[in-house]
C-alpha atoms as a PDB file:
ATOM      1  CA  MET A   1    -111.780 -17.321 -14.269  1.00  0.00           C
ATOM      2  CA  SER A   2    -109.817 -19.137 -12.028  1.00  0.00           C
ATOM      3  CA  GLY A   3    -108.454 -21.511 -14.571  1.00  0.00           C
ATOM      4  CA  VAL A   4    -107.111 -18.633 -16.517  1.00  0.00           C
ATOM      5  CA  GLU A   5    -105.913 -17.184 -13.044  1.00  0.00           C
ATOM      6  CA  GLY A   6    -104.264 -20.534 -12.294  1.00  0.00           C
ATOM      7  CA  SER A   7    -102.575 -20.514 -16.059  1.00  0.00           C
ATOM      8  CA  VAL A   8    -101.069 -16.883 -15.446  1.00  0.00           C
ATOM      9  CA  LEU A   9     -99.480 -17.745 -11.527  1.00  0.00           C
ATOM     10  CA  VAL A  10     -98.484 -21.179 -12.984  1.00  0.00           C
ATOM     11  CA  THR A  11     -96.497 -19.425 -15.954  1.00  0.00           C
ATOM     12  CA  ALA A  12     -95.288 -16.762 -13.349  1.00  0.00           C
ATOM     13  CA  LEU A  13     -93.826 -19.572 -11.164  1.00  0.00           C
ATOM     14  CA  GLU A  14     -92.277 -21.385 -14.359  1.00  0.00           C
ATOM     15  CA  ARG A  15     -90.537 -18.452 -15.576  1.00  0.00           C
ATOM     16  CA  ILE A  16     -89.212 -17.339 -12.280  1.00  0.00           C
ATOM     17  CA  GLY A  17     -87.956 -21.359 -11.852  1.00  0.00           C
ATOM     18  CA  ARG A  18     -86.518 -21.442 -15.114  1.00  0.00           C
ATOM     19  CA  ALA A  19     -84.920 -17.773 -14.619  1.00  0.00           C
ATOM     20  CA  ARG A  20     -83.792 -19.392 -10.908  1.00  0.00           C
ATOM     21  CA  ALA A  21     -82.602 -22.558 -12.653  1.00  0.00           C
ATOM     22  CA  ARG A  22     -80.619 -20.453 -15.211  1.00  0.00           C
ATOM     23  CA  VAL A  23     -79.132 -18.058 -12.404  1.00  0.00           C
ATOM     24  CA  GLU A  24     -78.321 -21.099 -10.036  1.00  0.00           C
ATOM     25  CA  ASN A  25     -76.825 -23.091 -13.129  1.00  0.00           C
ATOM     26  CA  GLU A  26     -74.777 -19.810 -13.859  1.00  0.00           C
ATOM     27  CA  ILE A  27     -73.687 -19.756 -10.098  1.00  0.00           C
ATOM     28  CA  GLU A  28     -72.603 -23.439 -10.261  1.00  0.00           C
ATOM     29  CA  LEU A  29     -70.741 -22.763 -13.118  1.00  0.00           C
ATOM     30  CA  ALA A  30     -68.935 -20.039 -11.940  1.00  0.00           C
ATOM     31  CA  LEU A  31     -68.550 -22.088  -8.434  1.00  0.00           C
ATOM     32  CA  ALA A  32     -66.912 -24.517 -10.460  1.00  0.00           C
ATOM     33  CA  GLU A  33     -64.629 -22.353 -12.583  1.00  0.00           C
ATOM     34  CA  VAL A  34     -63.909 -20.897  -9.231  1.00  0.00           C
ATOM     35  CA  ALA A  35     -63.286 -24.570  -7.872  1.00  0.00           C
ATOM     36  CA  ARG A  36     -60.923 -24.944 -10.751  1.00  0.00           C
ATOM     37  CA  GLU A  37     -58.781 -21.632 -10.253  1.00  0.00           C
ATOM     38  CA  GLU A  38     -58.544 -22.522  -6.531  1.00  0.00           C
ATOM     39  CA  SER A  39     -56.915 -25.727  -7.250  1.00  0.00           C
ATOM     40  CA  THR A  40     -54.734 -24.153  -9.880  1.00  0.00           C
ATOM     41  CA  ASN A  41     -53.359 -21.573  -7.823  1.00  0.00           C
ATOM     42  CA  ARG A  42     -53.123 -23.757  -5.010  1.00  0.00           C
ATOM     43  CA  ARG A  43     -50.886 -26.155  -6.990  1.00  0.00           C
ATOM     44  CA  ALA A  44     -49.075 -22.597  -8.648  1.00  0.00           C
ATOM     45  CA  ILE A  45     -48.523 -21.835  -5.015  1.00  0.00           C
ATOM     46  CA  GLU A  46     -47.418 -25.220  -4.162  1.00  0.00           C
ATOM     47  CA  GLU A  47     -44.999 -25.342  -6.737  1.00  0.00           C
ATOM     48  CA  GLY A  48     -43.502 -21.857  -5.955  1.00  0.00           C
ATOM     49  CA  HIS A  49     -42.829 -22.930  -2.483  1.00  0.00           C
ATOM     50  CA  ARG A  50     -41.076 -25.951  -3.709  1.00  0.00           C
ATOM     51  CA  ARG A  51     -39.209 -22.987  -6.129  1.00  0.00           C
ATOM     52  CA  LEU A  52     -38.641 -20.732  -3.211  1.00  0.00           C
ATOM     53  CA  VAL A  53     -37.157 -23.397  -0.957  1.00  0.00           C
ATOM     54  CA  ALA A  54     -35.121 -24.554  -4.026  1.00  0.00           C
ATOM     55  CA  LEU A  55     -34.008 -21.043  -4.718  1.00  0.00           C
ATOM     56  CA  ARG A  56     -32.975 -20.817  -1.015  1.00  0.00           C
ATOM     57  CA  SER A  57     -31.240 -23.401  -0.742  1.00  0.00           C
ATOM     58  CA  LEU A  58     -29.424 -22.755  -4.623  1.00  0.00           C
ATOM     59  CA  ARG A  59     -28.740 -19.064  -2.450  1.00  0.00           C
ATOM     60  CA  ARG A  60     -26.973 -20.373   0.493  1.00  0.00           C
ATOM     61  CA  GLU A  61     -24.568 -22.905  -1.875  1.00  0.00           C
ATOM     62  CA  GLN A  62     -23.798 -19.846  -4.212  1.00  0.00           C
ATOM     63  CA  GLU A  63     -22.818 -17.687  -1.156  1.00  0.00           C
ATOM     64  CA  ALA A  64     -21.070 -20.218   0.159  1.00  0.00           C
ATOM     65  CA  LEU A  65     -19.249 -20.907  -3.035  1.00  0.00           C
ATOM     66  CA  LYS A  66     -18.912 -17.181  -3.172  1.00  0.00           C
ATOM     67  CA  ALA A  67     -17.514 -16.877   0.898  1.00  0.00           C
ATOM     68  CA  GLY A  68     -14.932 -19.378  -0.322  1.00  0.00           C
ATOM     69  CA  LEU A  69     -14.283 -17.806  -3.152  1.00  0.00           C
ATOM     70  CA  VAL A  70     -13.773 -14.522  -1.437  1.00  0.00           C
ATOM     71  CA  ALA A  71     -11.793 -15.868   1.034  1.00  0.00           C
ATOM     72  CA  ASP A  72      -9.487 -18.079  -1.674  1.00  0.00           C
ATOM     73  CA  VAL A  73      -9.279 -14.734  -3.619  1.00  0.00           C
ATOM     74  CA  ALA A  74      -7.742 -12.873   0.038  1.00  0.00           C
ATOM     75  CA  ALA A  75      -5.518 -15.806   0.834  1.00  0.00           C
ATOM     76  CA  GLU A  76      -4.154 -15.695  -2.689  1.00  0.00           C
ATOM     77  CA  GLU A  77      -3.738 -11.969  -2.694  1.00  0.00           C
ATOM     78  CA  ALA A  78      -2.087 -12.109   0.892  1.00  0.00           C
ATOM     79  CA  ALA A  79       0.285 -14.385  -0.556  1.00  0.00           C
ATOM     80  CA  ALA A  80       1.294 -12.356  -3.420  1.00  0.00           C
ATOM     81  CA  VAL A  81       1.584  -8.913  -1.113  1.00  0.00           C
ATOM     82  CA  ALA A  82       4.281 -11.555   1.144  1.00  0.00           C
ATOM     83  CA  ALA A  83       5.751 -12.662  -1.962  1.00  0.00           C
ATOM     84  CA  GLY A  84       5.944  -9.584  -3.588  1.00  0.00           C
ATOM     85  CA  LEU A  85       7.310  -7.936  -0.424  1.00  0.00           C
ATOM     86  CA  GLU A  86       9.929 -10.669   0.169  1.00  0.00           C
ATOM     87  CA  ALA A  87      10.808 -10.394  -3.766  1.00  0.00           C
ATOM     88  CA  ASP A  88      11.643  -6.904  -3.524  1.00  0.00           C
ATOM     89  CA  THR A  89      13.050  -6.487  -0.484  1.00  0.00           C
ATOM     90  CA  ARG A  90      15.370  -9.165  -1.355  1.00  0.00           C
ATOM     91  CA  ARG A  91      16.546  -7.889  -4.831  1.00  0.00           C
ATOM     92  CA  PHE A  92      17.070  -4.644  -3.438  1.00  0.00           C
ATOM     93  CA  LEU A  93      19.258  -5.853  -0.288  1.00  0.00           C
ATOM     94  CA  GLU A  94      21.350  -8.237  -3.468  1.00  0.00           C
ATOM     95  CA  ARG A  95      21.981  -4.459  -5.113  1.00  0.00           C
ATOM     96  CA  ALA A  96      22.798  -2.423  -1.824  1.00  0.00           C
ATOM     97  CA  ALA A  97      25.023  -5.847  -1.291  1.00  0.00           C
ATOM     98  CA  VAL A  98      26.641  -5.001  -4.938  1.00  0.00           C
ATOM     99  CA  MET A  99      26.725  -0.924  -3.858  1.00  0.00           C
ATOM    100  CA  ALA A 100      28.521  -1.943  -0.697  1.00  0.00           C
ATOM    101  CA  GLU A 101      31.024  -3.900  -2.711  1.00  0.00           C
ATOM    102  CA  ALA A 102      31.378  -0.902  -5.197  1.00  0.00           C
ATOM    103  CA  VAL A 103      32.322   1.868  -2.130  1.00  0.00           C
ATOM    104  CA  ALA A 104      34.315  -0.894  -0.344  1.00  0.00           C
ATOM    105  CA  ALA A 105      36.576  -1.445  -3.394  1.00  0.00           C
ATOM    106  CA  ARG A 106      36.661   2.469  -4.321  1.00  0.00           C
ATOM    107  CA  ASP A 107      37.570   3.149  -0.637  1.00  0.00           C
ATOM    108  CA  ALA A 108      40.242   0.675  -0.946  1.00  0.00           C
ATOM    109  CA  ARG A 109      41.495   2.602  -4.084  1.00  0.00           C
ATOM    110  CA  LEU A 110      41.724   5.698  -2.295  1.00  0.00           C
ATOM    111  CA  GLU A 111      43.374   4.239   0.736  1.00  0.00           C
ATOM    112  CA  GLU A 112      46.065   2.400  -1.328  1.00  0.00           C
ATOM    113  CA  ASP A 113      46.785   5.901  -3.461  1.00  0.00           C
ATOM    114  CA  LEU A 114      47.376   7.537  -0.415  1.00  0.00           C
ATOM    115  CA  LYS A 115      50.183   5.027   0.318  1.00  0.00           C
ATOM    116  CA  ALA A 116      52.514   6.982  -2.465  1.00  0.00           C
ATOM    117  CA  PRO A 117      55.338   8.390  -0.937  1.00  0.00           C
ATOM    118  CA  GLU A 118      54.301  12.101  -1.764  1.00  0.00           C
ATOM    119  CA  LEU A 119      50.653  11.736  -1.171  1.00  0.00           C
ATOM    120  CA  ALA A 120      51.529  10.061   2.649  1.00  0.00           C
ATOM    121  CA  ALA A 121      53.928  12.840   3.132  1.00  0.00           C
ATOM    122  CA  ALA A 122      50.958  15.187   1.830  1.00  0.00           C
ATOM    123  CA  LEU A 123      48.331  13.931   4.423  1.00  0.00           C
ATOM    124  CA  VAL A 124      50.938  14.070   7.097  1.00  0.00           C
ATOM    125  CA  GLU A 125      51.308  18.063   6.508  1.00  0.00           C
ATOM    126  CA  TYR A 126      47.654  18.455   6.165  1.00  0.00           C
ATOM    127  CA  GLN A 127      47.515  16.419   9.916  1.00  0.00           C
ATOM    128  CA  ASN A 128      49.981  18.654  10.886  1.00  0.00           C
ATOM    129  CA  TYR A 129      48.715  21.642   9.754  1.00  0.00           C
ATOM    130  CA  GLN A 130      44.699  20.960  11.541  1.00  0.00           C
ATOM    131  CA  ASP A 131      46.947  20.124  14.887  1.00  0.00           C
ATOM    132  CA  VAL A 132      48.724  23.980  14.321  1.00  0.00           C
ATOM    133  CA  GLU A 133      46.164  25.845  12.886  1.00  0.00           C
ATOM    134  CA  PRO A 134      44.365  26.993  16.024  1.00  0.00           C
ATOM    135  CA  THR A 135      47.229  28.529  17.183  1.00  0.00           C
ATOM    136  CA  LEU A 136      48.073  30.651  13.882  1.00  0.00           C
ATOM    137  CA  SER A 137      46.724  33.868  15.067  1.00  0.00           C
ATOM    138  CA  THR A 138      49.187  33.571  18.355  1.00  0.00           C
ATOM    139  CA  MET A 139      51.776  33.021  15.161  1.00  0.00           C
ATOM    140  CA  PRO A 140      54.072  35.798  13.928  1.00  0.00           C
ATOM    141  CA  PRO A 141      52.983  36.699  10.386  1.00  0.00           C
ATOM    142  CA  PRO A 142      55.922  35.541   8.148  1.00  0.00           C
ATOM    143  CA  ILE A 143      55.454  31.675   9.866  1.00  0.00           C
ATOM    144  CA  ARG A 144      51.543  31.864   9.403  1.00  0.00           C
ATOM    145  CA  LYS A 145      51.930  33.169   5.962  1.00  0.00           C
ATOM    146  CA  SER A 146      54.205  30.404   5.213  1.00  0.00           C
ATOM    147  CA  LEU A 147      52.218  27.443   6.869  1.00  0.00           C
ATOM    148  CA  VAL A 148      49.164  28.802   5.089  1.00  0.00           C
ATOM    149  CA  GLU A 149      50.618  28.727   1.923  1.00  0.00           C
ATOM    150  CA  LYS A 150      52.061  24.932   2.347  1.00  0.00           C
ATOM    151  CA  HIS A 151      48.590  23.901   3.655  1.00  0.00           C
ATOM    152  CA  GLU A 152      47.175  25.305   0.214  1.00  0.00           C
ATOM    153  CA  ARG A 153      49.385  23.729  -1.539  1.00  0.00           C
ATOM    154  CA  VAL A 154      49.265  20.465   0.167  1.00  0.00           C
ATOM    155  CA  LEU A 155      45.072  20.536  -0.449  1.00  0.00           C
ATOM    156  CA  ARG A 156      45.583  21.095  -4.016  1.00  0.00           C
ATOM    157  CA  ARG A 157      48.028  17.856  -4.096  1.00  0.00           C
ATOM    158  CA  LEU A 158      45.359  16.052  -2.245  1.00  0.00           C
ATOM    159  CA  GLU A 159      42.200  17.915  -4.151  1.00  0.00           C
ATOM    160  CA  PRO A 160      41.582  14.593  -6.410  1.00  0.00           C
ATOM    161  CA  ILE A 161      41.470  12.240  -3.423  1.00  0.00           C
ATOM    162  CA  ILE A 162      39.372  14.228  -1.347  1.00  0.00           C
ATOM    163  CA  ARG A 163      37.006  14.998  -4.024  1.00  0.00           C
ATOM    164  CA  ALA A 164      36.688  11.584  -4.504  1.00  0.00           C
ATOM    165  CA  ALA A 165      36.223  10.607  -0.814  1.00  0.00           C
ATOM    166  CA  ASN A 166      33.446  13.039  -0.466  1.00  0.00           C
ATOM    167  CA  ALA A 167      31.822  11.783  -4.077  1.00  0.00           C
ATOM    168  CA  GLY A 168      28.884   9.976  -3.937  1.00  0.00           C
ATOM    169  CA  PRO A 169      28.986   5.974  -4.140  1.00  0.00           C
ATOM    170  CA  PRO A 170      30.052   5.189  -7.640  1.00  0.00           C
ATOM    171  CA  PRO A 171      27.786   4.368 -10.383  1.00  0.00           C
ATOM    172  CA  LEU A 172      26.659   0.601 -10.976  1.00  0.00           C
ATOM    173  CA  ALA A 173      27.155  -0.917 -13.916  1.00  0.00           C
ATOM    174  CA  ALA A 174      23.555  -2.204 -13.677  1.00  0.00           C
ATOM    175  CA  PRO A 175      19.600  -2.091 -14.863  1.00  0.00           C
ATOM    176  CA  ALA A 176      17.635  -0.240 -12.978  1.00  0.00           C
ATOM    177  CA  MET A 177      15.370  -2.059 -11.103  1.00  0.00           C
ATOM    178  CA  GLY A 178      11.745  -0.692  -9.417  1.00  0.00           C
ATOM    179  CA  VAL A 179      11.111  -1.657  -5.729  1.00  0.00           C
ATOM    180  CA  GLY A 180       7.438  -1.114  -4.549  1.00  0.00           C
ATOM    181  CA  VAL A 181       6.177   0.485  -0.905  1.00  0.00           C
ATOM    182  CA  VAL A 182       2.909  -1.178  -0.420  1.00  0.00           C
ATOM    183  CA  ALA A 183       0.488   1.134   1.091  1.00  0.00           C
ATOM    184  CA  ALA A 184      -3.205   0.852   2.208  1.00  0.00           C
ATOM    185  CA  MET A 185      -5.835   3.025   3.243  1.00  0.00           C
ATOM    186  CA  ASP A 186      -8.717   2.181   5.684  1.00  0.00           C
ATOM    187  CA  PRO A 187     -11.185   2.841   4.307  1.00  0.00           C
ATOM    188  CA  PRO A 188     -10.468   2.764   1.031  1.00  0.00           C
ATOM    189  CA  GLU A 189     -13.141   5.179  -0.156  1.00  0.00           C
ATOM    190  CA  GLY A 190     -14.003   8.579   1.590  1.00  0.00           C
ATOM    191  CA  PRO A 191     -12.270  10.450   4.387  1.00  0.00           C
ATOM    192  CA  PRO A 192      -9.332   8.205   5.709  1.00  0.00           C
ATOM    193  CA  GLU A 193      -8.753   7.096   9.343  1.00  0.00           C
ATOM    194  CA  ALA A 194      -5.926   5.295   8.891  1.00  0.00           C
ATOM    195  CA  LEU A 195      -2.615   4.890   6.181  1.00  0.00           C
ATOM    196  CA  VAL A 196      -0.676   1.808   6.290  1.00  0.00           C
ATOM    197  CA  VAL A 197       3.042   1.628   4.350  1.00  0.00           C
ATOM    198  CA  VAL A 198       5.029  -0.767   4.114  1.00  0.00           C
ATOM    199  CA  PHE A 199       8.700  -0.179   2.880  1.00  0.00           C
ATOM    200  CA  PRO A 200      10.949  -2.875   1.200  1.00  0.00           C
ATOM    201  CA  VAL A 201      14.138  -2.644   3.913  1.00  0.00           C
ATOM    202  CA  PRO A 202      14.172  -5.371   6.850  1.00  0.00           C
ATOM    203  CA  TYR A 203      12.777  -3.638  10.475  1.00  0.00           C
ATOM    204  CA  ALA A 204      16.170  -3.896  11.430  1.00  0.00           C
ATOM    205  CA  ALA A 205      16.794  -0.823   9.128  1.00  0.00           C
ATOM    206  CA  TYR A 206      14.682   0.976  11.837  1.00  0.00           C
ATOM    207  CA  SER A 207      15.215  -0.582  14.936  1.00  0.00           C
ATOM    208  CA  ASP A 208      18.708  -1.088  14.999  1.00  0.00           C
ATOM    209  CA  TRP A 209      19.722   1.754  13.161  1.00  0.00           C
ATOM    210  CA  ARG A 210      22.677   2.313  16.262  1.00  0.00           C
ATOM    211  CA  ASP A 211      24.530  -0.763  15.180  1.00  0.00           C
ATOM    212  CA  ARG A 212      24.161  -1.051  11.503  1.00  0.00           C
ATOM    213  CA  PRO A 213      26.332   0.430   9.218  1.00  0.00           C
ATOM    214  CA  GLU A 214      24.889   3.040   7.275  1.00  0.00           C
ATOM    215  CA  ASP A 215      24.292   0.995   4.197  1.00  0.00           C
ATOM    216  CA  LEU A 216      21.736   1.621   0.635  1.00  0.00           C
ATOM    217  CA  ALA A 217      19.005   0.077   3.152  1.00  0.00           C
ATOM    218  CA  THR A 218      19.232   2.587   5.917  1.00  0.00           C
ATOM    219  CA  SER A 219      19.584   5.055   3.481  1.00  0.00           C
ATOM    220  CA  LEU A 220      15.946   4.048   1.715  1.00  0.00           C
ATOM    221  CA  CYS A 221      14.597   3.876   5.098  1.00  0.00           C
ATOM    222  CA  HIS A 222      15.725   7.412   5.772  1.00  0.00           C
ATOM    223  CA  ARG A 223      14.785   8.797   2.880  1.00  0.00           C
ATOM    224  CA  LEU A 224      11.260   7.070   2.619  1.00  0.00           C
ATOM    225  CA  LEU A 225      10.544   8.072   5.963  1.00  0.00           C
ATOM    226  CA  ALA A 226      11.242  12.003   5.335  1.00  0.00           C
ATOM    227  CA  ALA A 227       8.943  11.261   2.341  1.00  0.00           C
ATOM    228  CA  LEU A 228       6.165  10.338   4.427  1.00  0.00           C
ATOM    229  CA  PHE A 229       6.527  13.158   7.244  1.00  0.00           C
ATOM    230  CA  ARG A 230       6.766  15.638   4.288  1.00  0.00           C
ATOM    231  CA  LEU A 231       3.431  14.061   3.020  1.00  0.00           C
ATOM    232  CA  LEU A 232       1.762  14.382   6.858  1.00  0.00           C
ATOM    233  CA  GLN A 233       3.306  17.914   6.810  1.00  0.00           C
ATOM    234  CA  GLU A 234       1.832  19.085   3.283  1.00  0.00           C
ATOM    235  CA  ILE A 235      -1.471  17.783   4.319  1.00  0.00           C
ATOM    236  CA  GLY A 236      -1.881  19.217   7.972  1.00  0.00           C
ATOM    237  CA  ALA A 237      -1.400  16.000  10.064  1.00  0.00           C
ATOM    238  CA  ALA A 238       2.407  16.482  11.139  1.00  0.00           C
ATOM    239  CA  ASP A 239       1.248  15.446  14.657  1.00  0.00           C
ATOM    240  CA  ALA A 240      -0.973  12.506  13.335  1.00  0.00           C
ATOM    241  CA  PRO A 241       0.071   9.890  16.262  1.00  0.00           C
ATOM    242  CA  VAL A 242       2.533   7.133  14.313  1.00  0.00           C
ATOM    243  CA  GLN A 243       3.198   3.569  15.068  1.00  0.00           C
ATOM    244  CA  TYR A 244       6.449   1.578  13.727  1.00  0.00           C
ATOM    245  CA  ASP A 245       6.212  -2.278  13.307  1.00  0.00           C
ATOM    246  CA  SER A 246       6.971  -5.419  11.319  1.00  0.00           C
ATOM    247  CA  VAL A 247       4.855  -6.715   8.409  1.00  0.00           C
ATOM    248  CA  ARG A 248       6.366  -9.937   7.114  1.00  0.00           C
ATOM    249  CA  GLY A 249      10.110  -8.713   8.508  1.00  0.00           C
ATOM    250  CA  ASN A 250       9.911  -5.564   6.717  1.00  0.00           C
ATOM    251  CA  LEU A 251       9.512  -2.039   8.179  1.00  0.00           C
ATOM    252  CA  ALA A 252       5.865  -0.907   8.579  1.00  0.00           C
ATOM    253  CA  VAL A 253       4.548   2.982   9.415  1.00  0.00           C
ATOM    254  CA  GLN A 254       1.166   3.249  10.504  1.00  0.00           C
ATOM    255  CA  VAL A 255      -0.531   6.623  10.897  1.00  0.00           C
ATOM    256  CA  TRP A 256      -3.708   7.005  12.323  1.00  0.00           C
ATOM    257  CA  LEU A 257      -5.404  10.126  10.462  1.00  0.00           C
ATOM    258  CA  GLY A 258      -9.265   9.987  12.320  1.00  0.00           C
ATOM    259  CA  ASP A 259      -8.767  13.171  13.608  1.00  0.00           C
ATOM    260  CA  HIS A 260      -7.267  15.036  10.644  1.00  0.00           C
ATOM    261  CA  PRO A 261      -9.173  15.687   7.951  1.00  0.00           C
ATOM    262  CA  VAL A 262      -7.403  15.182   4.632  1.00  0.00           C
ATOM    263  CA  PRO A 263      -7.951  18.413   1.973  1.00  0.00           C
ATOM    264  CA  VAL A 264      -5.990  15.892  -0.813  1.00  0.00           C
ATOM    265  CA  ASP A 265      -6.116  12.858  -2.898  1.00  0.00           C
ATOM    266  CA  LEU A 266      -4.045  10.928   0.046  1.00  0.00           C
ATOM    267  CA  ARG A 267      -2.908   8.349  -3.058  1.00  0.00           C
ATOM    268  CA  GLU A 268      -2.279  10.682  -5.283  1.00  0.00           C
ATOM    269  CA  ALA A 269      -0.050  12.521  -2.721  1.00  0.00           C
ATOM    270  CA  THR A 270       1.544   9.610  -1.485  1.00  0.00           C
ATOM    271  CA  PHE A 271       2.856   8.494  -4.802  1.00  0.00           C
ATOM    272  CA  GLU A 272       4.145  11.955  -5.348  1.00  0.00           C
ATOM    273  CA  HIS A 273       5.991  12.036  -2.372  1.00  0.00           C
ATOM    274  CA  PHE A 274       7.679   8.525  -2.576  1.00  0.00           C
ATOM    275  CA  SER A 275       8.117   9.147  -6.255  1.00  0.00           C
ATOM    276  CA  GLN A 276      10.453  11.991  -5.055  1.00  0.00           C
ATOM    277  CA  VAL A 277      12.608  10.053  -3.711  1.00  0.00           C
ATOM    278  CA  TYR A 278      14.923   8.457  -6.398  1.00  0.00           C
ATOM    279  CA  GLU A 279      15.297  12.133  -7.974  1.00  0.00           C
ATOM    280  CA  GLU A 280      16.686  13.546  -4.230  1.00  0.00           C
ATOM    281  CA  ALA A 281      18.915  10.501  -3.475  1.00  0.00           C
ATOM    282  CA  ILE A 282      22.118  10.191  -5.465  1.00  0.00           C
ATOM    283  CA  GLU A 283      22.883   6.678  -3.806  1.00  0.00           C
ATOM    284  CA  LEU A 284      19.694   5.365  -5.447  1.00  0.00           C
ATOM    285  CA  TRP A 285      20.579   6.992  -8.168  1.00  0.00           C
ATOM    286  CA  ALA A 286      23.869   5.380  -8.555  1.00  0.00           C
ATOM    287  CA  ALA A 287      22.387   2.036  -7.084  1.00  0.00           C
ATOM    288  CA  GLY A 288      19.742   2.309 -10.042  1.00  0.00           C
ATOM    289  CA  VAL A 289      16.537   1.776  -7.487  1.00  0.00           C
ATOM    290  CA  GLU A 290      13.216   3.432  -8.413  1.00  0.00           C
ATOM    291  CA  VAL A 291      10.714   3.448  -5.745  1.00  0.00           C
ATOM    292  CA  TYR A 292       7.046   2.970  -6.489  1.00  0.00           C
ATOM    293  CA  THR A 293       3.893   2.989  -4.566  1.00  0.00           C
ATOM    294  CA  VAL A 294       1.185  -0.318  -4.821  1.00  0.00           C
ATOM    295  CA  TRP A 295      -1.556  -0.125  -3.213  1.00  0.00           C
ATOM    296  CA  VAL A 296      -3.925  -2.614  -1.230  1.00  0.00           C
ATOM    297  CA  ARG A 297      -6.715  -3.593   0.208  1.00  0.00           C
ATOM    298  CA  PRO A 298      -6.335  -2.291   3.828  1.00  0.00           C
ATOM    299  CA  GLU A 299      -7.266  -5.961   5.563  1.00  0.00           C
ATOM    300  CA  LEU A 300      -4.379  -7.519   3.850  1.00  0.00           C
ATOM    301  CA  LEU A 301      -1.760  -4.786   5.675  1.00  0.00           C
ATOM    302  CA  LEU A 302      -4.319  -3.770   9.211  1.00  0.00           C
ATOM    303  CA  GLY A 303      -5.563  -6.313  11.515  1.00  0.00           C
ATOM    304  CA  ALA A 304      -3.461  -9.609  10.705  1.00  0.00           C
ATOM    305  CA  GLU A 305      -1.856 -11.298  13.566  1.00  0.00           C
ATOM    306  CA  GLY A 306       1.713  -9.489  14.579  1.00  0.00           C
ATOM    307  CA  ASP A 307       0.922  -7.003  11.934  1.00  0.00           C
ATOM    308  CA  PRO A 308      -0.254  -3.138  12.541  1.00  0.00           C
END
């Protein structure tokens, strides 16, 4: 019996041993696979880390290039704005000088015409009548009637001269030209807090208006300011703070709108009001000067040294 019992025990132990060995082998194989996976993943992680380091370096390089490009583009845009303002202002002033010459030539012709004996005598009669007109009511009716009739004849004789003198400037035989008002809105999207417009006229047209002759630049300055204040009236910001300054030698106007909700598309409204200037101003029509509006990024007009 003992032999049989021993055989069963041995068999059981051998079976258990084989099962254990099989399990241990499977575990060893699994551990070996885990070790291989760990090694593979470790190498992948190390490679990924190296790639991340390389990508971070590449990102910094590209961001530096982008920053440099943005700065270069901003500098180019600023230079383009300055060049455009300078060119439009120069062209406009050249046209204004031609208009001034045309007006001076017309006035000289009128003065020459007034030297004709008949017209000169009529002008003397006209001036004499201005002196006696305040006393007409005290004169006898026959004398008053005679003086009035004589004055009416003088007026008829002088009418062409008076009409020519009071007419607008003579139209120039020159092609139409456009001059730009440069505008910026801050922020460029959403409710505006500030509006800046730079006119194609010298700052002196505003600052020295008392001493400057009433030329085409002064007229355009007044027309554009009137259009701007009509715009502010329309959007309910007539009392908004306004500042006048010089941007690259040109007149600039900055309006603070932070306390005034703007109920319309400010860009479109600004364009419409400035576009009407040409239609309203006979002197601009005669000179062939049209006004258009160019919108730029606010940083090109706001915050620069010496600017608003």
